[in-house]
């Protein structure tokens, strides 16, 4: 019985050690349409991040960057990565992100959101 408990504990330890910081949600939301252009974009992850090795780019339909500075962790919240945005006219914007979690696992992804009725 002890052997079985030890194997289960080991398996659980391995599973949690392989965790990656994945996107939990964003504001504006993934795939959403917002009436007014946001001043910043916030990404919320499932694991704490290393800010120095994490980043976000936001591009318009022409591929031009519309983020207005480096992404940073929100003070006191190691799972919220925020990036300021330039004034956005109506259109669809592509967000690409890459992060490094504090346990040194890398992950990346992309999504889009739309400003105005499109």
N, C-alpha and C. Protein backbone atom coordinates (compact mmCIF):
# COMPACT_ATOMS: atom_id res chain seq x y z
N UNK A 1 0.82 -1.19 0.00
CA UNK A 1 0.00 0.00 0.00
C UNK A 1 0.87 1.26 0.00
N UNK A 2 1.91 1.28 0.83
CA UNK A 2 2.81 2.43 0.87
C UNK A 2 3.47 2.66 -0.49
N UNK A 3 3.80 1.55 -1.15
CA UNK A 3 4.40 1.64 -2.46
C UNK A 3 3.46 2.33 -3.44
N UNK A 4 2.20 1.98 -3.40
CA UNK A 4 1.20 2.59 -4.27
C UNK A 4 1.04 4.08 -3.99
N UNK A 5 1.04 4.45 -2.72
CA UNK A 5 0.94 5.87 -2.34
C UNK A 5 2.17 6.63 -2.83
N UNK A 6 3.34 6.03 -2.70
CA UNK A 6 4.57 6.68 -3.16
C UNK A 6 4.56 6.89 -4.67
N UNK A 7 4.10 5.90 -5.42
CA UNK A 7 4.01 6.03 -6.88
C UNK A 7 3.05 7.15 -7.25
N UNK A 8 1.89 7.21 -6.60
CA UNK A 8 0.91 8.27 -6.88
C UNK A 8 1.49 9.65 -6.56
N UNK A 9 2.17 9.77 -5.45
CA UNK A 9 2.79 11.05 -5.07
C UNK A 9 3.84 11.46 -6.08
N UNK A 10 4.63 10.51 -6.53
CA UNK A 10 5.65 10.79 -7.54
C UNK A 10 5.01 11.25 -8.85
N UNK A 11 3.96 10.59 -9.29
CA UNK A 11 3.27 10.96 -10.52
C UNK A 11 2.67 12.36 -10.42
N UNK A 12 2.08 12.69 -9.29
CA UNK A 12 1.52 14.03 -9.10
C UNK A 12 2.62 15.09 -9.13
N UNK A 13 3.76 14.78 -8.53
CA UNK A 13 4.89 15.70 -8.54
C UNK A 13 5.40 15.96 -9.94
N UNK A 14 5.47 14.92 -10.75
CA UNK A 14 5.91 15.07 -12.14
C UNK A 14 4.92 15.90 -12.93
N UNK A 15 3.65 15.68 -12.74
CA UNK A 15 2.63 16.43 -13.48
C UNK A 15 2.70 17.91 -13.13
N UNK A 16 2.86 18.25 -11.87
CA UNK A 16 2.89 19.67 -11.50
C UNK A 16 4.20 20.31 -11.92
N UNK A 17 5.28 19.55 -11.99
CA UNK A 17 6.56 20.10 -12.41
C UNK A 17 6.56 20.47 -13.90
N UNK A 18 5.69 19.84 -14.68
CA UNK A 18 5.61 20.12 -16.10
C UNK A 18 4.63 21.23 -16.46
N UNK A 19 4.12 21.94 -15.46
CA UNK A 19 3.14 23.00 -15.71
C UNK A 19 3.76 24.14 -16.51
N UNK A 20 2.96 24.73 -17.37
CA UNK A 20 3.39 25.88 -18.16
C UNK A 20 2.43 27.02 -17.90
N UNK A 21 2.93 28.24 -18.05
CA UNK A 21 2.06 29.41 -17.92
C UNK A 21 1.26 29.55 -19.20
N UNK A 22 -0.02 29.30 -19.11
CA UNK A 22 -0.90 29.42 -20.27
C UNK A 22 -1.82 30.61 -20.08
N UNK A 23 -2.26 31.17 -21.18
CA UNK A 23 -3.17 32.31 -21.12
C UNK A 23 -4.50 31.85 -20.52
N UNK A 24 -4.90 32.50 -19.45
CA UNK A 24 -6.18 32.20 -18.81
C UNK A 24 -7.28 33.06 -19.42
N UNK A 25 -7.05 34.37 -19.51
CA UNK A 25 -7.98 35.28 -20.16
C UNK A 25 -7.27 36.60 -20.45
N UNK A 26 -7.93 37.45 -21.21
CA UNK A 26 -7.34 38.73 -21.61
C UNK A 26 -8.41 39.81 -21.56
N UNK A 27 -7.93 41.05 -21.52
CA UNK A 27 -8.83 42.20 -21.59
C UNK A 27 -8.19 43.22 -22.54
N UNK A 28 -8.80 43.45 -23.72
CA UNK A 28 -10.03 42.89 -24.26
C UNK A 28 -9.92 41.37 -24.42
N UNK A 29 -11.08 40.74 -24.35
CA UNK A 29 -11.14 39.28 -24.40
C UNK A 29 -10.74 38.73 -25.76
N UNK A 30 -10.23 37.51 -25.74
CA UNK A 30 -9.84 36.80 -26.96
C UNK A 30 -11.04 36.73 -27.91
N UNK A 31 -10.85 37.19 -29.15
CA UNK A 31 -11.88 37.13 -30.17
C UNK A 31 -13.03 38.11 -30.01
N UNK A 32 -12.91 39.02 -29.06
CA UNK A 32 -14.03 39.93 -28.78
C UNK A 32 -14.04 41.14 -29.72
N UNK A 33 -15.17 41.85 -29.71
CA UNK A 33 -15.30 43.14 -30.36
C UNK A 33 -15.65 44.14 -29.28
N UNK A 34 -14.85 45.20 -29.16
CA UNK A 34 -15.08 46.24 -28.17
C UNK A 34 -15.50 47.51 -28.88
N UNK A 35 -16.39 48.28 -28.27
CA UNK A 35 -16.91 49.51 -28.88
C UNK A 35 -15.85 50.61 -28.90
N UNK A 36 -15.04 50.67 -27.85
CA UNK A 36 -14.04 51.74 -27.73
C UNK A 36 -12.65 51.14 -27.60
N UNK A 37 -11.68 51.82 -28.17
CA UNK A 37 -10.30 51.34 -28.13
C UNK A 37 -9.76 51.37 -26.70
N UNK A 38 -9.16 50.28 -26.26
CA UNK A 38 -8.57 50.26 -24.92
C UNK A 38 -7.23 51.02 -24.91
N UNK A 39 -6.86 51.55 -23.76
CA UNK A 39 -5.57 52.22 -23.61
C UNK A 39 -4.44 51.22 -23.37
N UNK A 40 -4.81 50.02 -22.93
CA UNK A 40 -3.81 48.98 -22.68
C UNK A 40 -4.47 47.61 -22.87
N UNK A 41 -3.62 46.61 -22.97
CA UNK A 41 -4.05 45.23 -23.11
C UNK A 41 -3.51 44.48 -21.90
N UNK A 42 -4.35 43.69 -21.25
CA UNK A 42 -3.93 42.88 -20.10
C UNK A 42 -4.11 41.40 -20.42
N UNK A 43 -3.08 40.63 -20.13
CA UNK A 43 -3.10 39.17 -20.31
C UNK A 43 -2.92 38.53 -18.94
N UNK A 44 -3.78 37.59 -18.62
CA UNK A 44 -3.73 36.91 -17.33
C UNK A 44 -3.35 35.45 -17.55
N UNK A 45 -2.32 34.98 -16.83
CA UNK A 45 -1.77 33.65 -17.03
C UNK A 45 -2.03 32.74 -15.83
N UNK A 46 -1.85 31.45 -16.05
CA UNK A 46 -2.12 30.44 -15.03
C UNK A 46 -0.96 30.23 -14.07
N UNK A 47 0.19 30.82 -14.35
CA UNK A 47 1.38 30.66 -13.52
C UNK A 47 2.08 32.02 -13.39
N UNK A 48 2.83 32.27 -12.32
CA UNK A 48 3.62 33.50 -12.23
C UNK A 48 4.67 33.56 -13.34
N UNK A 49 4.96 34.79 -13.80
CA UNK A 49 5.86 35.00 -14.93
C UNK A 49 7.17 35.68 -14.54
N UNK A 50 8.17 35.50 -15.39
CA UNK A 50 9.42 36.25 -15.32
C UNK A 50 9.30 37.40 -16.32
N UNK A 51 9.14 38.61 -15.85
CA UNK A 51 8.88 39.77 -16.73
C UNK A 51 9.99 40.01 -17.75
N UNK A 52 11.23 39.82 -17.35
CA UNK A 52 12.35 40.11 -18.24
C UNK A 52 12.37 39.23 -19.48
N UNK A 53 11.71 38.08 -19.43
CA UNK A 53 11.73 37.14 -20.54
C UNK A 53 10.33 36.92 -21.14
N UNK A 54 9.43 37.86 -20.91
CA UNK A 54 8.06 37.77 -21.40
C UNK A 54 7.74 39.01 -22.20
N UNK A 55 6.93 38.86 -23.24
CA UNK A 55 6.60 40.03 -24.06
C UNK A 55 5.31 39.86 -24.83
N UNK A 56 4.83 41.00 -25.34
CA UNK A 56 3.59 41.04 -26.10
C UNK A 56 3.78 42.01 -27.25
N UNK A 57 3.29 41.66 -28.44
CA UNK A 57 3.23 42.61 -29.54
C UNK A 57 1.79 42.64 -30.04
N UNK A 58 1.34 43.83 -30.42
CA UNK A 58 0.00 44.01 -30.96
C UNK A 58 0.15 44.68 -32.31
N UNK A 59 -0.45 44.09 -33.34
CA UNK A 59 -0.30 44.60 -34.71
C UNK A 59 -1.66 44.85 -35.35
N UNK A 60 -1.69 45.87 -36.21
CA UNK A 60 -2.92 46.15 -36.96
C UNK A 60 -2.97 45.26 -38.20
N UNK A 61 -4.00 45.43 -39.02
CA UNK A 61 -4.18 44.58 -40.21
C UNK A 61 -3.04 44.72 -41.21
N UNK A 62 -2.35 45.86 -41.20
CA UNK A 62 -1.21 46.07 -42.10
C UNK A 62 0.09 45.51 -41.53
N UNK A 63 0.03 44.96 -40.32
CA UNK A 63 1.22 44.37 -39.70
C UNK A 63 2.05 45.36 -38.92
N UNK A 64 1.58 46.59 -38.76
CA UNK A 64 2.32 47.61 -38.00
C UNK A 64 2.05 47.44 -36.52
N UNK A 65 3.09 47.60 -35.72
CA UNK A 65 2.93 47.49 -34.27
C UNK A 65 2.17 48.68 -33.73
N UNK A 66 1.22 48.39 -32.85
CA UNK A 66 0.41 49.44 -32.22
C UNK A 66 0.55 49.42 -30.70
N UNK A 67 1.42 48.54 -30.17
CA UNK A 67 1.72 48.61 -28.75
C UNK A 67 2.64 49.81 -28.53
N UNK A 68 2.52 50.44 -27.38
CA UNK A 68 3.23 51.71 -27.13
C UNK A 68 4.29 51.59 -26.05
N UNK A 69 4.92 50.47 -25.95
CA UNK A 69 5.95 50.27 -24.93
C UNK A 69 6.09 48.81 -24.59
N UNK A 70 7.01 48.54 -23.69
CA UNK A 70 7.26 47.16 -23.26
C UNK A 70 6.15 46.63 -22.36
N UNK A 71 5.89 45.37 -22.50
CA UNK A 71 4.96 44.71 -21.59
C UNK A 71 5.60 44.63 -20.21
N UNK A 72 4.79 44.73 -19.18
CA UNK A 72 5.28 44.67 -17.81
C UNK A 72 4.27 43.94 -16.93
N UNK A 73 4.78 43.38 -15.84
CA UNK A 73 3.89 42.76 -14.86
C UNK A 73 3.23 43.87 -14.04
N UNK A 74 1.96 43.70 -13.75
CA UNK A 74 1.24 44.65 -12.92
C UNK A 74 1.76 44.49 -11.49
N UNK A 75 2.04 45.61 -10.84
CA UNK A 75 2.61 45.59 -9.49
C UNK A 75 1.77 44.72 -8.56
N UNK A 76 2.44 43.80 -7.87
CA UNK A 76 1.76 42.93 -6.93
C UNK A 76 1.00 41.77 -7.56
N UNK A 77 1.15 41.59 -8.89
CA UNK A 77 0.41 40.52 -9.57
C UNK A 77 1.31 39.89 -10.61
N UNK A 78 1.95 38.79 -10.28
CA UNK A 78 2.91 38.15 -11.18
C UNK A 78 2.27 37.31 -12.28
N UNK A 79 0.93 37.32 -12.37
CA UNK A 79 0.27 36.58 -13.44
C UNK A 79 -0.40 37.51 -14.46
N UNK A 80 -0.34 38.84 -14.24
CA UNK A 80 -0.96 39.79 -15.17
C UNK A 80 0.12 40.58 -15.92
N UNK A 81 0.19 40.35 -17.22
CA UNK A 81 1.12 41.05 -18.09
C UNK A 81 0.34 42.11 -18.85
N UNK A 82 0.82 43.36 -18.80
CA UNK A 82 0.09 44.47 -19.41
C UNK A 82 0.99 45.22 -20.38
N UNK A 83 0.40 45.69 -21.47
CA UNK A 83 1.15 46.48 -22.45
C UNK A 83 0.29 47.69 -22.83
N UNK A 84 0.89 48.89 -22.84
CA UNK A 84 0.13 50.07 -23.28
C UNK A 84 -0.06 50.04 -24.79
N UNK A 85 -1.15 50.66 -25.24
CA UNK A 85 -1.46 50.69 -26.67
C UNK A 85 -1.51 52.12 -27.19
N UNK A 86 -1.14 52.29 -28.45
CA UNK A 86 -1.34 53.56 -29.13
C UNK A 86 -2.85 53.74 -29.34
N UNK A 87 -3.33 54.95 -29.66
CA UNK A 87 -4.75 55.10 -29.98
C UNK A 87 -5.10 54.20 -31.18
N UNK A 88 -6.13 53.39 -31.02
CA UNK A 88 -6.48 52.41 -32.04
C UNK A 88 -7.74 52.83 -32.80
N UNK A 89 -7.64 52.97 -34.12
CA UNK A 89 -8.85 53.20 -34.90
C UNK A 89 -9.63 51.89 -35.04
N UNK A 90 -10.87 51.94 -35.51
CA UNK A 90 -11.62 50.70 -35.71
C UNK A 90 -10.82 49.73 -36.60
N UNK A 91 -10.89 48.47 -36.25
CA UNK A 91 -10.18 47.44 -37.02
C UNK A 91 -9.92 46.22 -36.17
N UNK A 92 -9.26 45.24 -36.77
CA UNK A 92 -8.92 44.00 -36.08
C UNK A 92 -7.43 44.02 -35.77
N UNK A 93 -7.09 43.57 -34.57
CA UNK A 93 -5.71 43.61 -34.08
C UNK A 93 -5.28 42.22 -33.65
N UNK A 94 -4.04 41.86 -34.02
CA UNK A 94 -3.49 40.55 -33.67
C UNK A 94 -2.51 40.72 -32.51
N UNK A 95 -2.71 39.91 -31.49
CA UNK A 95 -1.86 39.91 -30.31
C UNK A 95 -1.00 38.65 -30.35
N UNK A 96 0.31 38.82 -30.20
CA UNK A 96 1.22 37.68 -30.09
C UNK A 96 1.96 37.81 -28.76
N UNK A 97 2.00 36.74 -28.00
CA UNK A 97 2.65 36.78 -26.70
C UNK A 97 3.61 35.61 -26.54
N UNK A 98 4.62 35.84 -25.72
CA UNK A 98 5.53 34.77 -25.31
C UNK A 98 5.89 35.04 -23.85
N UNK A 99 5.90 34.00 -23.06
CA UNK A 99 6.19 34.16 -21.64
C UNK A 99 7.13 33.06 -21.15
N UNK A 100 7.80 33.39 -20.06
CA UNK A 100 8.60 32.42 -19.33
C UNK A 100 8.05 32.40 -17.92
N UNK A 101 7.61 31.23 -17.47
CA UNK A 101 7.08 31.12 -16.11
C UNK A 101 8.24 31.06 -15.13
N UNK A 102 7.95 31.34 -13.87
CA UNK A 102 9.02 31.33 -12.86
C UNK A 102 9.66 29.96 -12.70
N UNK A 103 8.99 28.91 -13.17
CA UNK A 103 9.60 27.58 -13.12
C UNK A 103 10.34 27.25 -14.42
N UNK A 104 10.62 28.27 -15.22
CA UNK A 104 11.46 28.25 -16.44
C UNK A 104 10.83 27.58 -17.66
N UNK A 105 9.54 27.41 -17.67
CA UNK A 105 8.87 26.86 -18.86
C UNK A 105 8.42 27.99 -19.77
N UNK A 106 8.66 27.84 -21.07
CA UNK A 106 8.26 28.83 -22.06
C UNK A 106 6.92 28.43 -22.68
N UNK A 107 6.12 29.45 -23.01
CA UNK A 107 4.91 29.21 -23.79
C UNK A 107 4.63 30.45 -24.62
N UNK A 108 3.83 30.28 -25.64
CA UNK A 108 3.52 31.39 -26.53
C UNK A 108 2.16 31.16 -27.18
N UNK A 109 1.61 32.22 -27.74
CA UNK A 109 0.33 32.09 -28.41
C UNK A 109 -0.07 33.39 -29.08
N UNK A 110 -1.22 33.37 -29.69
CA UNK A 110 -1.72 34.57 -30.36
C UNK A 110 -3.25 34.53 -30.39
N UNK A 111 -3.84 35.70 -30.55
CA UNK A 111 -5.28 35.84 -30.69
C UNK A 111 -5.56 37.21 -31.29
N UNK A 112 -6.80 37.47 -31.59
CA UNK A 112 -7.16 38.78 -32.12
C UNK A 112 -8.35 39.34 -31.39
N UNK A 113 -8.52 40.65 -31.50
CA UNK A 113 -9.71 41.34 -31.01
C UNK A 113 -10.00 42.46 -32.01
N UNK A 114 -11.23 42.95 -31.98
CA UNK A 114 -11.66 43.98 -32.92
C UNK A 114 -12.15 45.20 -32.16
N UNK A 115 -11.80 46.37 -32.68
CA UNK A 115 -12.29 47.63 -32.13
C UNK A 115 -13.34 48.16 -33.09
N UNK A 116 -14.53 48.49 -32.57
CA UNK A 116 -15.63 48.99 -33.41
C UNK A 116 -16.37 47.85 -34.07
N UNK A 117 -17.46 48.19 -34.73
CA UNK A 117 -18.27 47.17 -35.41
C UNK A 117 -17.57 46.74 -36.70
N UNK A 118 -17.17 45.50 -36.76
CA UNK A 118 -16.49 44.96 -37.95
C UNK A 118 -17.14 43.71 -38.39
